[in-house]
Amino acid sequence: MSFKAVIFDLDGTLVNSLDDLAEACNRSLSKFGYPIHPLEAYKKFVGEGAKHLVTQALPPAARKEVEINRLLALFQQDYQTQAAVKTKPYEGVEALLAGLEALGTQKAILSNKPHLLTVQVVGHFLQSYSFHPVFGAREGVLRKPDPAGALEICRAWGLAPDQVLYLGDTAIDMKTATQAGCFPLGAAWGFRPEELNASGARAIVQSPLEVLELVRSGP
């Protein structure tokens, strides 16, 4: 059975945004007098939303709600103006998206990045391709790995979840896909490929163009 549609994670799957996220967070930490982190550390911090990112970046003793929210506000203000400095689509992503459009495959994005920032990044880097819908973290909707967002997308398409391939780069994505009933496909080029097998990936692709073959032929 071929797949009718693809849900994509954003950061670590379609775009490599790690440098811009890390630098915005480190600038914010520095302004409050906290130690900064190397780029590699941010691979573990990202994926569960902006509040989780800044919480992990703070020293454990400073992880009080007031301080988390103070750092979160500064980080989001900084990142909003610096989200496209070093970020870029991964090699092969645009060819994949063009190939899916040629096949008539429906596409959506589901991210834990704040919704407005998700829309901003997609509009800047992937404006040539149609995604319906584009969802970031929204008020009143549980974040991944809760399947609510993925199931909402499937309903909007009028498709059963098992007709939908879900591509992501972390355990959060694989758990989201599994709980929604979509096909969990791991992106080996992303932030945490070491998590994919243990978290339910039914297949792992080494490059974006491999996704096209799966869409055409099914698992």
Foldseek 3Di string as FASTA:
>chain_A
DFFQAEEEEPDFTFKPQLVLLQVLLCVLCVVVPHHGDDSLVQLVQDAQELLSNNLVGGDVVQNDPVSSVVSSVSSVVSSLVRRPPPMATDPPNVVLQVLCVVVVHAYAYEGQYQFVVQCVVCCVHVVVGDHPYYGYDDPPADHFPDQRVVLVSCVVVVHQQCSYEYEDAALRRQSNSVVSVHQDEHECSGSCNVHQPVSHHPYYDPHSVVVSVCNVPPD
